[in-house]
Amino acid sequence: MKVVLIIGGAVSGSTAARKLTEHGIRCVIVDQNRLPYGKIEDGLPRWHEKQRLSEYSKIDEVMDHVLVDFIPLTKIGDHIGFDEIYDMNWSCVYFANGAWRDRSFPIKGVEEFSNFYYQTLLYIGLTIITKMIIMVLR
């Protein structure tokens, strides 16, 4: 069975997991926070309560899927190194670690690993991203 590690569980990570599980692919999602809500939790103004609850519900539905395992409070680089992750032979590692500003990738030397792709645009359509992952896996 194909197993994808998804780093970050908020909108991008949960959308990728939803798309992948539709194809029978198991997903392990790690997030640095206790809950997988990312900027929805800390960045969305409090007056957007209805939108916040809607987004929470969508993410929670993904996290409850039988093919999804959620591991909270895990920081890549602190709790587990990228070399360890790479050596686990995942079918794919998907970085959904936020894009609130352009930045270089935070792991030194990661571009030396095979099949590494990094998008620095602030937003690209999540459907396009997840289709690229599925194509890599096949």
Protein backbone atom coordinates (compact mmCIF):
# COMPACT_ATOMS: atom_id res chain seq x y z
CA MET A 1 0.00 0.00 0.00
CA LYS A 2 1.22 3.49 -0.81
CA VAL A 3 1.71 5.73 2.22
CA VAL A 4 2.26 9.48 1.99
CA LEU A 5 3.70 11.58 4.79
CA ILE A 6 2.05 15.00 4.91
CA ILE A 7 3.81 17.66 6.95
CA GLY A 8 1.16 20.16 8.05
CA GLY A 9 -2.50 19.39 8.54
CA ALA A 10 -4.35 22.61 7.80
CA VAL A 11 -6.00 23.52 4.48
CA SER A 12 -3.28 22.28 2.10
CA GLY A 13 -2.42 19.15 4.08
CA SER A 14 -6.01 18.09 4.69
CA THR A 15 -6.97 18.77 1.07
CA ALA A 16 -4.06 16.64 -0.14
CA ALA A 17 -5.07 13.87 2.28
CA ARG A 18 -8.68 13.98 1.10
CA LYS A 19 -7.61 13.69 -2.54
CA LEU A 20 -5.13 10.90 -1.81
CA THR A 21 -7.54 8.83 0.29
CA GLU A 22 -10.05 9.01 -2.56
CA HIS A 23 -7.45 6.91 -4.43
CA GLY A 24 -6.98 4.47 -1.54
CA ILE A 25 -3.67 5.99 -0.42
CA ARG A 26 -2.92 6.00 3.32
CA CYS A 27 -1.80 9.37 4.73
CA VAL A 28 0.17 10.11 7.88
CA ILE A 29 -0.19 13.77 8.80
CA VAL A 30 2.20 15.41 11.25
CA ASP A 31 1.65 18.91 12.58
CA GLN A 32 3.65 21.07 14.96
CA ASN A 33 0.47 22.11 16.79
CA ARG A 34 -1.99 20.16 18.93
CA LEU A 35 -4.76 20.79 16.39
CA PRO A 36 -4.36 20.79 12.58
CA TYR A 37 -5.91 24.17 11.86
CA GLY A 38 -2.86 26.31 11.05
CA LYS A 39 -3.64 29.92 10.16
CA ILE A 40 -7.37 29.27 10.45
CA GLU A 41 -6.76 29.07 14.19
CA ASP A 42 -4.41 32.03 14.63
CA GLY A 43 -4.77 34.10 11.45
CA LEU A 44 -8.47 34.31 10.72
CA PRO A 45 -10.12 37.27 12.48
CA ARG A 46 -12.52 36.22 15.24
CA TRP A 47 -15.52 37.79 13.51
CA HIS A 48 -15.27 35.08 10.83
CA GLU A 49 -16.64 32.49 13.25
CA LYS A 50 -18.96 30.84 10.71
CA GLN A 51 -16.12 30.43 8.19
CA ARG A 52 -13.75 29.16 10.90
CA LEU A 53 -16.22 26.49 12.04
CA SER A 54 -16.81 25.44 8.43
CA GLU A 55 -13.05 25.03 7.83
CA TYR A 56 -12.61 23.14 11.12
CA SER A 57 -15.38 20.77 10.08
CA LYS A 58 -13.76 20.06 6.68
CA ILE A 59 -10.38 19.37 8.27
CA ASP A 60 -11.88 17.24 11.07
CA GLU A 61 -13.71 15.11 8.49
CA VAL A 62 -10.38 14.33 6.79
CA MET A 63 -8.61 13.59 10.09
CA ASP A 64 -11.37 11.09 10.98
CA HIS A 65 -10.92 9.12 7.74
CA VAL A 66 -9.88 5.49 8.20
CA LEU A 67 -6.84 5.97 5.91
CA VAL A 68 -5.54 9.02 7.83
CA ASP A 69 -3.33 8.98 10.92
CA PHE A 70 -2.77 12.33 12.65
CA ILE A 71 0.35 12.91 14.75
CA PRO A 72 0.22 16.28 16.58
CA LEU A 73 2.96 18.23 18.34
CA THR A 74 5.73 17.05 16.02
CA LYS A 75 8.29 19.50 14.62
CA ILE A 76 10.44 18.37 11.73
CA GLY A 77 14.03 19.16 12.62
CA ASP A 78 13.34 19.16 16.38
CA HIS A 79 11.49 15.90 17.07
CA ILE A 80 12.56 14.03 13.94
CA GLY A 81 15.18 14.85 11.34
CA PHE A 82 14.59 15.02 7.61
CA ASP A 83 17.20 12.28 7.04
CA GLU A 84 15.15 9.97 9.30
CA ILE A 85 11.99 10.83 7.39
CA TYR A 86 13.67 10.24 4.05
CA ASP A 87 15.05 6.87 5.21
CA MET A 88 11.53 5.66 6.06
CA ASN A 89 10.85 5.18 2.33
CA TRP A 90 7.51 6.96 2.13
CA SER A 91 5.76 6.81 -1.22
CA CYS A 92 5.85 10.60 -1.14
CA VAL A 93 6.55 13.36 1.37
CA TYR A 94 4.23 16.34 0.93
CA PHE A 95 5.18 19.61 2.61
CA ALA A 96 2.05 21.55 3.57
CA ASN A 97 3.84 23.68 6.11
CA GLY A 98 2.24 27.03 5.36
CA ALA A 99 2.83 29.77 2.83
CA TRP A 100 2.00 33.01 4.57
CA ARG A 101 5.11 34.53 2.97
CA ASP A 102 7.67 33.48 0.36
CA ARG A 103 10.73 31.85 1.88
CA SER A 104 13.44 29.40 1.06
CA PHE A 105 12.87 25.81 2.08
CA PRO A 106 13.81 25.43 5.77
CA ILE A 107 15.87 22.22 5.52
CA LYS A 108 19.49 22.67 4.43
CA GLY A 109 20.53 20.35 1.60
CA VAL A 110 17.02 19.01 0.95
CA GLU A 111 17.30 19.85 -2.77
CA GLU A 112 19.90 17.06 -3.03
CA PHE A 113 17.24 14.40 -2.38
CA SER A 114 15.57 12.72 -5.35
CA ASN A 115 12.05 13.74 -6.37
CA PHE A 116 12.11 16.99 -4.39
CA TYR A 117 9.87 19.77 -5.66
CA TYR A 118 9.27 23.07 -3.90
CA GLN A 119 6.78 25.74 -4.87
CA THR A 120 7.41 29.20 -3.44
CA LEU A 121 4.27 30.86 -4.77
CA LEU A 122 1.91 32.00 -2.05
CA TYR A 123 -0.98 30.02 -3.50
CA ILE A 124 -1.56 27.54 -6.26
CA GLY A 125 -4.71 25.51 -6.68
CA LEU A 126 -4.77 22.60 -4.24
CA THR A 127 -6.34 20.31 -6.81
CA ILE A 128 -3.35 20.84 -9.10
CA ILE A 129 -0.90 20.13 -6.26
CA THR A 130 -2.61 16.92 -5.20
CA LYS A 131 -2.90 15.68 -8.79
CA MET A 132 0.86 16.15 -9.13
CA ILE A 133 1.39 14.02 -6.01
CA ILE A 134 -0.84 11.24 -7.31
CA MET A 135 1.03 11.26 -10.63
CA VAL A 136 4.35 10.91 -8.78
CA LEU A 137 2.98 7.95 -6.84
CA ARG A 138 1.75 5.95 -9.81
